Amino acid sequence: MAEQKAFVTGHPIAHSRSPKIHGHWLARYGIDGSYRAIDVAPDDFAAFLNGLRDNGFQGGNVTIPHKEAAFALVERRDEAAEAIGAVNTLWFEDGKLWGGNTDAHGFAANLDDYAPG
């Protein structure tokens, strides 16, 4: 199997710990893959998305300031993204670029785990 390529994009993004975290788990489980932080200026975001497949990416994560732009630019969206109006996760499925949102689930799960009562 070819290397699995994923990313996190934002502007700025150099502070992100995601590549180190994902890199650890890729190595831990022997997955031939990479996870990169890619700084993309807002004016370049549409072109970045259009080049994902040609650059060999299977998907990735989106952070500020691109979440609303990603929502507008993807070909398909999951229910959470539709409800929130923003995308933080991208993947290819059936030849289409999909966008999803995991923010609400993560926030709610954190409340379940740590809220008093």
PDB file of N, CA and C in Angstrom:
ATOM      1  N   MET A   1       0.840  -1.174   0.000  1.00  0.00           N
ATOM      2  CA  MET A   1       0.000   0.000   0.000  1.00  0.00           C
ATOM      3  C   MET A   1       0.887   1.240   0.000  1.00  0.00           C
ATOM      4  N   ALA A   2       0.492   2.247  -0.757  1.00  0.00           N
ATOM      5  CA  ALA A   2       1.246   3.493  -0.830  1.00  0.00           C
ATOM      6  C   ALA A   2       1.115   4.280   0.470  1.00  0.00           C
ATOM      7  N   GLU A   3       2.059   5.171   0.667  1.00  0.00           N
ATOM      8  CA  GLU A   3       2.025   6.021   1.857  1.00  0.00           C
ATOM      9  C   GLU A   3       0.687   6.750   1.957  1.00  0.00           C
ATOM     10  N   GLN A   4       0.127   6.753   3.147  1.00  0.00           N
ATOM     11  CA  GLN A   4      -1.101   7.489   3.435  1.00  0.00           C
ATOM     12  C   GLN A   4      -0.702   8.900   3.860  1.00  0.00           C
ATOM     13  N   LYS A   5      -1.224   9.905   3.160  1.00  0.00           N
ATOM     14  CA  LYS A   5      -0.844  11.285   3.439  1.00  0.00           C
ATOM     15  C   LYS A   5      -2.040  12.062   3.969  1.00  0.00           C
ATOM     16  N   ALA A   6      -1.833  12.747   5.089  1.00  0.00           N
ATOM     17  CA  ALA A   6      -2.866  13.598   5.668  1.00  0.00           C
ATOM     18  C   ALA A   6      -2.224  14.897   6.147  1.00  0.00           C
ATOM     19  N   PHE A   7      -3.061  15.838   6.574  1.00  0.00           N
ATOM     20  CA  PHE A   7      -2.566  17.170   6.905  1.00  0.00           C
ATOM     21  C   PHE A   7      -3.491  17.857   7.901  1.00  0.00           C
ATOM     22  N   VAL A   8      -2.983  18.931   8.461  1.00  0.00           N
ATOM     23  CA  VAL A   8      -3.801  19.938   9.135  1.00  0.00           C
ATOM     24  C   VAL A   8      -3.439  21.254   8.464  1.00  0.00           C
ATOM     25  N   THR A   9      -4.455  22.054   8.149  1.00  0.00           N
ATOM     26  CA  THR A   9      -4.207  23.345   7.530  1.00  0.00           C
ATOM     27  C   THR A   9      -4.904  24.452   8.294  1.00  0.00           C
ATOM     28  N   GLY A  10      -4.262  25.576   8.318  1.00  0.00           N
ATOM     29  CA  GLY A  10      -4.779  26.779   8.944  1.00  0.00           C
ATOM     30  C   GLY A  10      -3.848  27.917   8.577  1.00  0.00           C
ATOM     31  N   HIS A  11      -4.051  29.063   9.211  1.00  0.00           N
ATOM     32  CA  HIS A  11      -3.183  30.215   8.937  1.00  0.00           C
ATOM     33  C   HIS A  11      -3.231  31.151  10.125  1.00  0.00           C
ATOM     34  N   PRO A  12      -2.206  31.133  10.958  1.00  0.00           N
ATOM     35  CA  PRO A  12      -0.981  30.334  10.903  1.00  0.00           C
ATOM     36  C   PRO A  12      -1.222  28.918  11.426  1.00  0.00           C
ATOM     37  N   ILE A  13      -0.231  28.039  11.208  1.00  0.00           N
ATOM     38  CA  ILE A  13      -0.379  26.646  11.640  1.00  0.00           C
ATOM     39  C   ILE A  13       0.902  26.092  12.259  1.00  0.00           C
ATOM     40  N   ALA A  14       1.988  26.834  12.246  1.00  0.00           N
ATOM     41  CA  ALA A  14       3.272  26.322  12.752  1.00  0.00           C
ATOM     42  C   ALA A  14       3.195  25.878  14.211  1.00  0.00           C
ATOM     43  N   HIS A  15       2.283  26.423  14.983  1.00  0.00           N
ATOM     44  CA  HIS A  15       2.148  26.087  16.405  1.00  0.00           C
ATOM     45  C   HIS A  15       1.471  24.736  16.647  1.00  0.00           C
ATOM     46  N   SER A  16       0.870  24.158  15.623  1.00  0.00           N
ATOM     47  CA  SER A  16       0.069  22.939  15.794  1.00  0.00           C
ATOM     48  C   SER A  16       0.910  21.760  16.271  1.00  0.00           C
ATOM     49  N   ARG A  17       0.390  21.054  17.237  1.00  0.00           N
ATOM     50  CA  ARG A  17       1.028  19.829  17.725  1.00  0.00           C
ATOM     51  C   ARG A  17       0.512  18.589  16.992  1.00  0.00           C
ATOM     52  N   SER A  18      -0.467  18.776  16.131  1.00  0.00           N
ATOM     53  CA  SER A  18      -1.082  17.632  15.448  1.00  0.00           C
ATOM     54  C   SER A  18      -0.092  16.753  14.695  1.00  0.00           C
ATOM     55  N   PRO A  19       0.869  17.305  13.929  1.00  0.00           N
ATOM     56  CA  PRO A  19       1.800  16.414  13.233  1.00  0.00           C
ATOM     57  C   PRO A  19       2.584  15.510  14.183  1.00  0.00           C
ATOM     58  N   LYS A  20       3.006  16.039  15.320  1.00  0.00           N
ATOM     59  CA  LYS A  20       3.753  15.223  16.277  1.00  0.00           C
ATOM     60  C   LYS A  20       2.859  14.128  16.858  1.00  0.00           C
ATOM     61  N   ILE A  21       1.640  14.482  17.223  1.00  0.00           N
ATOM     62  CA  ILE A  21       0.704  13.509  17.802  1.00  0.00           C
ATOM     63  C   ILE A  21       0.364  12.418  16.793  1.00  0.00           C
ATOM     64  N   HIS A  22      -0.034  12.820  15.585  1.00  0.00           N
ATOM     65  CA  HIS A  22      -0.391  11.828  14.565  1.00  0.00           C
ATOM     66  C   HIS A  22       0.827  11.022  14.127  1.00  0.00           C
ATOM     67  N   GLY A  23       1.988  11.683  14.040  1.00  0.00           N
ATOM     68  CA  GLY A  23       3.213  10.968  13.690  1.00  0.00           C
ATOM     69  C   GLY A  23       3.547   9.878  14.689  1.00  0.00           C
ATOM     70  N   HIS A  24       3.324  10.154  15.966  1.00  0.00           N
ATOM     71  CA  HIS A  24       3.555   9.143  17.004  1.00  0.00           C
ATOM     72  C   HIS A  24       2.701   7.907  16.743  1.00  0.00           C
ATOM     73  N   TRP A  25       1.412   8.109  16.496  1.00  0.00           N
ATOM     74  CA  TRP A  25       0.508   6.967  16.317  1.00  0.00           C
ATOM     75  C   TRP A  25       0.744   6.244  14.996  1.00  0.00           C
ATOM     76  N   LEU A  26       1.131   6.967  13.959  1.00  0.00           N
ATOM     77  CA  LEU A  26       1.493   6.298  12.705  1.00  0.00           C
ATOM     78  C   LEU A  26       2.674   5.357  12.942  1.00  0.00           C
ATOM     79  N   ALA A  27       3.700   5.849  13.637  1.00  0.00           N
ATOM     80  CA  ALA A  27       4.877   5.020  13.932  1.00  0.00           C
ATOM     81  C   ALA A  27       4.520   3.875  14.869  1.00  0.00           C
ATOM     82  N   ARG A  28       3.744   4.162  15.886  1.00  0.00           N
ATOM     83  CA  ARG A  28       3.368   3.157  16.893  1.00  0.00           C
ATOM     84  C   ARG A  28       2.682   1.960  16.258  1.00  0.00           C
ATOM     85  N   TYR A  29       1.831   2.220  15.278  1.00  0.00           N
ATOM     86  CA  TYR A  29       1.077   1.134  14.645  1.00  0.00           C
ATOM     87  C   TYR A  29       1.646   0.717  13.294  1.00  0.00           C
ATOM     88  N   GLY A  30       2.838   1.191  12.970  1.00  0.00           N
ATOM     89  CA  GLY A  30       3.518   0.763  11.756  1.00  0.00           C
ATOM     90  C   GLY A  30       2.797   1.144  10.475  1.00  0.00           C
ATOM     91  N   ILE A  31       2.122   2.267  10.486  1.00  0.00           N
ATOM     92  CA  ILE A  31       1.394   2.732   9.303  1.00  0.00           C
ATOM     93  C   ILE A  31       2.335   3.572   8.451  1.00  0.00           C
ATOM     94  N   ASP A  32       2.428   3.224   7.170  1.00  0.00           N
ATOM     95  CA  ASP A  32       3.242   3.985   6.236  1.00  0.00           C
ATOM     96  C   ASP A  32       2.470   5.252   5.886  1.00  0.00           C
ATOM     97  N   GLY A  33       2.736   6.309   6.639  1.00  0.00           N
ATOM     98  CA  GLY A  33       1.981   7.532   6.420  1.00  0.00           C
ATOM     99  C   GLY A  33       2.687   8.755   6.946  1.00  0.00           C
ATOM    100  N   SER A  34       2.116   9.890   6.608  1.00  0.00           N
ATOM    101  CA  SER A  34       2.633  11.162   7.093  1.00  0.00           C
ATOM    102  C   SER A  34       1.464  12.089   7.387  1.00  0.00           C
ATOM    103  N   TYR A  35       1.708  13.008   8.297  1.00  0.00           N
ATOM    104  CA  TYR A  35       0.709  14.006   8.679  1.00  0.00           C
ATOM    105  C   TYR A  35       1.453  15.322   8.813  1.00  0.00           C
ATOM    106  N   ARG A  36       1.128  16.260   7.935  1.00  0.00           N
ATOM    107  CA  ARG A  36       1.877  17.511   7.841  1.00  0.00           C
ATOM    108  C   ARG A  36       1.021  18.704   8.226  1.00  0.00           C
ATOM    109  N   ALA A  37       1.653  19.718   8.772  1.00  0.00           N
ATOM    110  CA  ALA A  37       1.024  21.023   8.969  1.00  0.00           C
ATOM    111  C   ALA A  37       1.316  21.859   7.728  1.00  0.00           C
ATOM    112  N   ILE A  38       0.259  22.391   7.120  1.00  0.00           N
ATOM    113  CA  ILE A  38       0.416  23.172   5.894  1.00  0.00           C
ATOM    114  C   ILE A  38      -0.248  24.532   6.095  1.00  0.00           C
ATOM    115  N   ASP A  39       0.565  25.570   6.088  1.00  0.00           N
ATOM    116  CA  ASP A  39       0.055  26.933   6.229  1.00  0.00           C
ATOM    117  C   ASP A  39      -0.477  27.394   4.875  1.00  0.00           C
ATOM    118  N   VAL A  40      -1.753  27.738   4.849  1.00  0.00           N
ATOM    119  CA  VAL A  40      -2.390  28.193   3.619  1.00  0.00           C
ATOM    120  C   VAL A  40      -3.088  29.519   3.909  1.00  0.00           C
ATOM    121  N   ALA A  41      -2.700  30.550   3.187  1.00  0.00           N
ATOM    122  CA  ALA A  41      -3.351  31.852   3.333  1.00  0.00           C
ATOM    123  C   ALA A  41      -4.793  31.752   2.839  1.00  0.00           C
ATOM    124  N   PRO A  42      -5.695  32.534   3.403  1.00  0.00           N
ATOM    125  CA  PRO A  42      -7.101  32.459   2.991  1.00  0.00           C
ATOM    126  C   PRO A  42      -7.320  32.598   1.486  1.00  0.00           C
ATOM    127  N   ASP A  43      -6.582  33.479   0.834  1.00  0.00           N
ATOM    128  CA  ASP A  43      -6.761  33.664  -0.608  1.00  0.00           C
ATOM    129  C   ASP A  43      -6.332  32.448  -1.420  1.00  0.00           C
ATOM    130  N   ASP A  44      -5.546  31.560  -0.830  1.00  0.00           N
ATOM    131  CA  ASP A  44      -5.043  30.377  -1.532  1.00  0.00           C
ATOM    132  C   ASP A  44      -5.787  29.097  -1.162  1.00  0.00           C
ATOM    133  N   PHE A  45      -6.784  29.194  -0.295  1.00  0.00           N
ATOM    134  CA  PHE A  45      -7.411  27.991   0.251  1.00  0.00           C
ATOM    135  C   PHE A  45      -8.160  27.173  -0.803  1.00  0.00           C
ATOM    136  N   ALA A  46      -8.916  27.812  -1.678  1.00  0.00           N
ATOM    137  CA  ALA A  46      -9.653  27.069  -2.709  1.00  0.00           C
ATOM    138  C   ALA A  46      -8.691  26.291  -3.606  1.00  0.00           C
ATOM    139  N   ALA A  47      -7.602  26.917  -4.008  1.00  0.00           N
ATOM    140  CA  ALA A  47      -6.611  26.228  -4.843  1.00  0.00           C
ATOM    141  C   ALA A  47      -5.973  25.071  -4.083  1.00  0.00           C
ATOM    142  N   PHE A  48      -5.729  25.260  -2.792  1.00  0.00           N
ATOM    143  CA  PHE A  48      -5.181  24.182  -1.967  1.00  0.00           C
ATOM    144  C   PHE A  48      -6.115  22.975  -1.984  1.00  0.00           C
ATOM    145  N   LEU A  49      -7.405  23.204  -1.745  1.00  0.00           N
ATOM    146  CA  LEU A  49      -8.362  22.088  -1.758  1.00  0.00           C
ATOM    147  C   LEU A  49      -8.418  21.417  -3.120  1.00  0.00           C
ATOM    148  N   ASN A  50      -8.396  22.201  -4.172  1.00  0.00           N
ATOM    149  CA  ASN A  50      -8.452  21.632  -5.520  1.00  0.00           C
ATOM    150  C   ASN A  50      -7.246  20.760  -5.836  1.00  0.00           C
ATOM    151  N   GLY A  51      -6.118  20.992  -5.170  1.00  0.00           N
ATOM    152  CA  GLY A  51      -4.909  20.215  -5.430  1.00  0.00           C
ATOM    153  C   GLY A  51      -4.685  19.033  -4.505  1.00  0.00           C
ATOM    154  N   LEU A  52      -5.587  18.804  -3.561  1.00  0.00           N
ATOM    155  CA  LEU A  52      -5.367  17.730  -2.580  1.00  0.00           C
ATOM    156  C   LEU A  52      -5.152  16.371  -3.227  1.00  0.00           C
ATOM    157  N   ARG A  53      -6.071  15.975  -4.083  1.00  0.00           N
ATOM    158  CA  ARG A  53      -5.990  14.645  -4.699  1.00  0.00           C
ATOM    159  C   ARG A  53      -4.723  14.518  -5.543  1.00  0.00           C
ATOM    160  N   ASP A  54      -4.428  15.543  -6.353  1.00  0.00           N
ATOM    161  CA  ASP A  54      -3.240  15.498  -7.208  1.00  0.00           C
ATOM    162  C   ASP A  54      -1.946  15.428  -6.400  1.00  0.00           C
ATOM    163  N   ASN A  55      -1.972  15.924  -5.174  1.00  0.00           N
ATOM    164  CA  ASN A  55      -0.794  15.871  -4.306  1.00  0.00           C
ATOM    165  C   ASN A  55      -0.771  14.642  -3.412  1.00  0.00           C
ATOM    166  N   GLY A  56      -1.699  13.710  -3.633  1.00  0.00           N
ATOM    167  CA  GLY A  56      -1.668  12.418  -2.957  1.00  0.00           C
ATOM    168  C   GLY A  56      -2.241  12.377  -1.558  1.00  0.00           C
ATOM    169  N   PHE A  57      -2.994  13.398  -1.164  1.00  0.00           N
ATOM    170  CA  PHE A  57      -3.579  13.395   0.177  1.00  0.00           C
ATOM    171  C   PHE A  57      -4.880  12.603   0.202  1.00  0.00           C
ATOM    172  N   GLN A  58      -5.065  11.831   1.282  1.00  0.00           N
ATOM    173  CA  GLN A  58      -6.312  11.102   1.484  1.00  0.00           C
ATOM    174  C   GLN A  58      -7.328  11.937   2.257  1.00  0.00           C
ATOM    175  N   GLY A  59      -6.847  12.906   2.995  1.00  0.00           N
ATOM    176  CA  GLY A  59      -7.729  13.768   3.777  1.00  0.00           C
ATOM    177  C   GLY A  59      -6.927  14.553   4.779  1.00  0.00           C
ATOM    178  N   GLY A  60      -7.655  15.253   5.650  1.00  0.00           N
ATOM    179  CA  GLY A  60      -6.965  16.047   6.646  1.00  0.00           C
ATOM    180  C   GLY A  60      -7.908  16.830   7.523  1.00  0.00           C
ATOM    181  N   ASN A  61      -7.306  17.717   8.278  1.00  0.00           N
ATOM    182  CA  ASN A  61      -8.044  18.542   9.230  1.00  0.00           C
ATOM    183  C   ASN A  61      -7.914  20.009   8.859  1.00  0.00           C
ATOM    184  N   VAL A  62      -8.942  20.764   9.212  1.00  0.00           N
ATOM    185  CA  VAL A  62      -9.024  22.184   8.893  1.00  0.00           C
ATOM    186  C   VAL A  62      -9.226  22.953  10.188  1.00  0.00           C
ATOM    187  N   THR A  63      -8.456  24.018  10.366  1.00  0.00           N
ATOM    188  CA  THR A  63      -8.654  24.874  11.529  1.00  0.00           C
ATOM    189  C   THR A  63      -8.769  26.324  11.062  1.00  0.00           C
ATOM    190  N   ILE A  64      -8.820  27.235  12.028  1.00  0.00           N
ATOM    191  CA  ILE A  64      -9.044  28.632  11.682  1.00  0.00           C
ATOM    192  C   ILE A  64      -7.917  29.157  10.796  1.00  0.00           C
ATOM    193  N   PRO A  65      -8.238  29.976   9.838  1.00  0.00           N
ATOM    194  CA  PRO A  65      -9.520  30.617   9.554  1.00  0.00           C
ATOM    195  C   PRO A  65     -10.334  29.946   8.446  1.00  0.00           C
ATOM    196  N   HIS A  66     -10.101  28.659   8.176  1.00  0.00           N
ATOM    197  CA  HIS A  66     -10.637  28.027   6.965  1.00  0.00           C
ATOM    198  C   HIS A  66     -11.905  27.191   7.136  1.00  0.00           C
ATOM    199  N   LYS A  67     -12.438  27.049   8.331  1.00  0.00           N
ATOM    200  CA  LYS A  67     -13.552  26.115   8.539  1.00  0.00           C
ATOM    201  C   LYS A  67     -14.804  26.485   7.741  1.00  0.00           C
ATOM    202  N   GLU A  68     -15.157  27.761   7.696  1.00  0.00           N
ATOM    203  CA  GLU A  68     -16.343  28.170   6.940  1.00  0.00           C
ATOM    204  C   GLU A  68     -16.091  28.089   5.439  1.00  0.00           C
ATOM    205  N   ALA A  69     -14.895  28.439   5.007  1.00  0.00           N
ATOM    206  CA  ALA A  69     -14.558  28.327   3.584  1.00  0.00           C
ATOM    207  C   ALA A  69     -14.600  26.871   3.141  1.00  0.00           C
ATOM    208  N   ALA A  70     -14.090  25.973   3.973  1.00  0.00           N
ATOM    209  CA  ALA A  70     -14.140  24.545   3.640  1.00  0.00           C
ATOM    210  C   ALA A  70     -15.583  24.086   3.495  1.00  0.00           C
ATOM    211  N   PHE A  71     -16.455  24.554   4.377  1.00  0.00           N
ATOM    212  CA  PHE A  71     -17.878  24.215   4.295  1.00  0.00           C
ATOM    213  C   PHE A  71     -18.433  24.591   2.921  1.00  0.00           C
ATOM    214  N   ALA A  72     -18.090  25.768   2.442  1.00  0.00           N
ATOM    215  CA  ALA A  72     -18.603  26.247   1.158  1.00  0.00           C
ATOM    216  C   ALA A  72     -17.991  25.524  -0.037  1.00  0.00           C
ATOM    217  N   LEU A  73     -16.780  25.000   0.105  1.00  0.00           N
ATOM    218  CA  LEU A  73     -16.043  24.469  -1.041  1.00  0.00           C
ATOM    219  C   LEU A  73     -16.125  22.959  -1.229  1.00  0.00           C
ATOM    220  N   VAL A  74     -16.457  22.199  -0.188  1.00  0.00           N
ATOM    221  CA  VAL A  74     -16.504  20.743  -0.350  1.00  0.00           C
ATOM    222  C   VAL A  74     -17.695  20.338  -1.212  1.00  0.00           C
ATOM    223  N   GLU A  75     -17.620  19.119  -1.763  1.00  0.00           N
ATOM    224  CA  GLU A  75     -18.698  18.622  -2.617  1.00  0.00           C
ATOM    225  C   GLU A  75     -19.834  17.987  -1.826  1.00  0.00           C
ATOM    226  N   ARG A  76     -19.521  17.426  -0.670  1.00  0.00           N
ATOM    227  CA  ARG A  76     -20.524  16.785   0.193  1.00  0.00           C
ATOM    228  C   ARG A  76     -20.192  17.116   1.641  1.00  0.00           C
ATOM    229  N   ARG A  77     -21.233  17.113   2.505  1.00  0.00           N
ATOM    230  CA  ARG A  77     -21.040  17.409   3.927  1.00  0.00           C
ATOM    231  C   ARG A  77     -21.796  16.404   4.773  1.00  0.00           C
ATOM    232  N   ASP A  78     -21.257  16.110   5.955  1.00  0.00           N
ATOM    233  CA  ASP A  78     -22.000  15.262   6.879  1.00  0.00           C
ATOM    234  C   ASP A  78     -23.027  16.111   7.635  1.00  0.00           C
ATOM    235  N   GLU A  79     -23.879  15.433   8.411  1.00  0.00           N
ATOM    236  CA  GLU A  79     -24.957  16.129   9.115  1.00  0.00           C
ATOM    237  C   GLU A  79     -24.431  17.155  10.112  1.00  0.00           C
ATOM    238  N   ALA A  80     -23.368  16.818  10.806  1.00  0.00           N
ATOM    239  CA  ALA A  80     -22.816  17.751  11.798  1.00  0.00           C
ATOM    240  C   ALA A  80     -22.326  19.029  11.127  1.00  0.00           C
ATOM    241  N   ALA A  81     -21.628  18.897  10.007  1.00  0.00           N
ATOM    242  CA  ALA A  81     -21.151  20.084   9.293  1.00  0.00           C
ATOM    243  C   ALA A  81     -22.328  20.931   8.821  1.00  0.00           C
ATOM    244  N   GLU A  82     -23.355  20.281   8.307  1.00  0.00           N
ATOM    245  CA  GLU A  82     -24.551  21.014   7.864  1.00  0.00           C
ATOM    246  C   GLU A  82     -25.177  21.783   9.016  1.00  0.00           C
ATOM    247  N   ALA A  83     -25.258  21.158  10.178  1.00  0.00           N
ATOM    248  CA  ALA A  83     -25.889  21.800  11.334  1.00  0.00           C
ATOM    249  C   ALA A  83     -25.053  22.963  11.866  1.00  0.00           C
ATOM    250  N   ILE A  84     -23.728  22.829  11.806  1.00  0.00           N
ATOM    251  CA  ILE A  84     -22.831  23.827  12.387  1.00  0.00           C
ATOM    252  C   ILE A  84     -22.459  24.920  11.386  1.00  0.00           C
ATOM    253  N   GLY A  85     -22.395  24.552  10.101  1.00  0.00           N
ATOM    254  CA  GLY A  85     -22.004  25.519   9.079  1.00  0.00           C
ATOM    255  C   GLY A  85     -20.505  25.678   8.940  1.00  0.00           C
ATOM    256  N   ALA A  86     -19.770  24.653   9.373  1.00  0.00           N
ATOM    257  CA  ALA A  86     -18.308  24.686   9.295  1.00  0.00           C
ATOM    258  C   ALA A  86     -17.785  23.259   9.172  1.00  0.00           C
ATOM    259  N   VAL A  87     -16.605  23.132   8.575  1.00  0.00           N
ATOM    260  CA  VAL A  87     -15.964  21.835   8.342  1.00  0.00           C
ATOM    261  C   VAL A  87     -14.594  21.841   9.008  1.00  0.00           C
ATOM    262  N   ASN A  88     -14.281  20.754   9.737  1.00  0.00           N
ATOM    263  CA  ASN A  88     -12.931  20.631  10.302  1.00  0.00           C
ATOM    264  C   ASN A  88     -12.243  19.331   9.895  1.00  0.00           C
ATOM    265  N   THR A  89     -12.918  18.498   9.113  1.00  0.00           N
ATOM    266  CA  THR A  89     -12.364  17.219   8.672  1.00  0.00           C
ATOM    267  C   THR A  89     -12.695  17.028   7.196  1.00  0.00           C
ATOM    268  N   LEU A  90     -11.703  16.636   6.410  1.00  0.00           N
ATOM    269  CA  LEU A  90     -11.876  16.415   4.974  1.00  0.00           C
ATOM    270  C   LEU A  90     -11.450  15.003   4.611  1.00  0.00           C
ATOM    271  N   TRP A  91     -12.172  14.383   3.668  1.00  0.00           N
ATOM    272  CA  TRP A  91     -11.792  13.072   3.158  1.00  0.00           C
ATOM    273  C   TRP A  91     -12.412  12.878   1.782  1.00  0.00           C
ATOM    274  N   PHE A  92     -11.848  11.926   1.037  1.00  0.00           N
ATOM    275  CA  PHE A  92     -12.387  11.569  -0.270  1.00  0.00           C
ATOM    276  C   PHE A  92     -13.210  10.298  -0.130  1.00  0.00           C
ATOM    277  N   GLU A  93     -14.395  10.322  -0.710  1.00  0.00           N
ATOM    278  CA  GLU A  93     -15.277   9.155  -0.704  1.00  0.00           C
ATOM    279  C   GLU A  93     -16.067   9.161  -2.005  1.00  0.00           C
ATOM    280  N   ASP A  94     -16.066   8.028  -2.700  1.00  0.00           N
ATOM    281  CA  ASP A  94     -16.773   7.913  -3.977  1.00  0.00           C
ATOM    282  C   ASP A  94     -16.381   9.026  -4.949  1.00  0.00           C
ATOM    283  N   GLY A  95     -15.095   9.374  -4.937  1.00  0.00           N
ATOM    284  CA  GLY A  95     -14.583  10.376  -5.857  1.00  0.00           C
ATOM    285  C   GLY A  95     -14.911  11.813  -5.509  1.00  0.00           C
ATOM    286  N   LYS A  96     -15.539  12.044  -4.381  1.00  0.00           N
ATOM    287  CA  LYS A  96     -15.949  13.390  -3.968  1.00  0.00           C
ATOM    288  C   LYS A  96     -15.188  13.820  -2.719  1.00  0.00           C
ATOM    289  N   LEU A  97     -14.958  15.134  -2.600  1.00  0.00           N
ATOM    290  CA  LEU A  97     -14.358  15.686  -1.392  1.00  0.00           C
ATOM    291  C   LEU A  97     -15.468  15.960  -0.387  1.00  0.00           C
ATOM    292  N   TRP A  98     -15.405  15.249   0.723  1.00  0.00           N
ATOM    293  CA  TRP A  98     -16.383  15.373   1.802  1.00  0.00           C
ATOM    294  C   TRP A  98     -15.829  16.245   2.909  1.00  0.00           C
ATOM    295  N   GLY A  99     -16.730  16.910   3.612  1.00  0.00           N
ATOM    296  CA  GLY A  99     -16.375  17.679   4.792  1.00  0.00           C
ATOM    297  C   GLY A  99     -17.245  17.270   5.960  1.00  0.00           C
ATOM    298  N   GLY A 100     -16.638  17.158   7.106  1.00  0.00           N
ATOM    299  CA  GLY A 100     -17.371  16.827   8.319  1.00  0.00           C
ATOM    300  C   GLY A 100     -16.970  17.756   9.441  1.00  0.00           C
ATOM    301  N   ASN A 101     -17.683  17.645  10.540  1.00  0.00           N
ATOM    302  CA  ASN A 101     -17.341  18.443  11.707  1.00  0.00           C
ATOM    303  C   ASN A 101     -17.400  17.574  12.946  1.00  0.00           C
ATOM    304  N   THR A 102     -16.271  17.491  13.635  1.00  0.00           N
ATOM    305  CA  THR A 102     -16.176  16.706  14.867  1.00  0.00           C
ATOM    306  C   THR A 102     -16.106  17.591  16.107  1.00  0.00           C
ATOM    307  N   ASP A 103     -16.148  18.904  15.920  1.00  0.00           N
ATOM    308  CA  ASP A 103     -16.027  19.824  17.056  1.00  0.00           C
ATOM    309  C   ASP A 103     -17.138  19.627  18.082  1.00  0.00           C
ATOM    310  N   ALA A 104     -18.377  19.564  17.631  1.00  0.00           N
ATOM    311  CA  ALA A 104     -19.504  19.460  18.568  1.00  0.00           C
ATOM    312  C   ALA A 104     -19.440  18.160  19.357  1.00  0.00           C
ATOM    313  N   HIS A 105     -19.131  17.061  18.673  1.00  0.00           N
ATOM    314  CA  HIS A 105     -19.039  15.773  19.367  1.00  0.00           C
ATOM    315  C   HIS A 105     -17.938  15.819  20.428  1.00  0.00           C
ATOM    316  N   GLY A 106     -16.786  16.365  20.067  1.00  0.00           N
ATOM    317  CA  GLY A 106     -15.683  16.456  21.023  1.00  0.00           C
ATOM    318  C   GLY A 106     -16.020  17.348  22.209  1.00  0.00           C
ATOM    319  N   PHE A 107     -16.689  18.450  21.948  1.00  0.00           N
ATOM    320  CA  PHE A 107     -17.085  19.360  23.024  1.00  0.00           C
ATOM    321  C   PHE A 107     -18.082  18.678  23.951  1.00  0.00           C
ATOM    322  N   ALA A 108     -19.091  18.023  23.363  1.00  0.00           N
ATOM    323  CA  ALA A 108     -20.109  17.349  24.181  1.00  0.00           C
ATOM    324  C   ALA A 108     -19.502  16.203  24.986  1.00  0.00           C
ATOM    325  N   ALA A 109     -18.602  15.438  24.377  1.00  0.00           N
ATOM    326  CA  ALA A 109     -17.966  14.328  25.094  1.00  0.00           C
ATOM    327  C   ALA A 109     -17.151  14.851  26.272  1.00  0.00           C
ATOM    328  N   ASN A 110     -16.479  15.972  26.085  1.00  0.00           N
ATOM    329  CA  ASN A 110     -15.704  16.575  27.164  1.00  0.00           C
ATOM    330  C   ASN A 110     -16.625  17.009  28.302  1.00  0.00           C
ATOM    331  N   LEU A 111     -17.768  17.583  27.967  1.00  0.00           N
ATOM    332  CA  LEU A 111     -18.735  17.952  29.007  1.00  0.00           C
ATOM    333  C   LEU A 111     -19.224  16.721  29.758  1.00  0.00           C
ATOM    334  N   ASP A 112     -19.526  15.661  29.014  1.00  0.00           N
ATOM    335  CA  ASP A 112     -19.982  14.420  29.658  1.00  0.00           C
ATOM    336  C   ASP A 112     -18.944  13.891  30.639  1.00  0.00           C
ATOM    337  N   ASP A 113     -17.677  13.997  30.256  1.00  0.00           N
ATOM    338  CA  ASP A 113     -16.603  13.457  31.091  1.00  0.00           C
ATOM    339  C   ASP A 113     -16.267  14.332  32.300  1.00  0.00           C
ATOM    340  N   TYR A 114     -16.416  15.648  32.154  1.00  0.00           N
ATOM    341  CA  TYR A 114     -15.875  16.531  33.189  1.00  0.00           C
ATOM    342  C   TYR A 114     -16.867  17.490  33.838  1.00  0.00           C
ATOM    343  N   ALA A 115     -18.081  17.564  33.334  1.00  0.00           N
ATOM    344  CA  ALA A 115     -19.051  18.483  33.935  1.00  0.00           C
ATOM    345  C   ALA A 115     -19.517  17.945  35.291  1.00  0.00           C
ATOM    346  N   PRO A 116     -19.660  18.821  36.264  1.00  0.00           N
ATOM    347  CA  PRO A 116     -20.147  18.356  37.568  1.00  0.00           C
ATOM    348  C   PRO A 116     -21.591  17.884  37.477  1.00  0.00           C
ATOM    349  N   GLY A 117     -21.916  16.908  38.316  1.00  0.00           N
ATOM    350  CA  GLY A 117     -23.296  16.428  38.396  1.00  0.00           C
ATOM    351  C   GLY A 117     -23.529  15.354  37.457  1.00  0.00           C
TER     352      GLY A 117
END
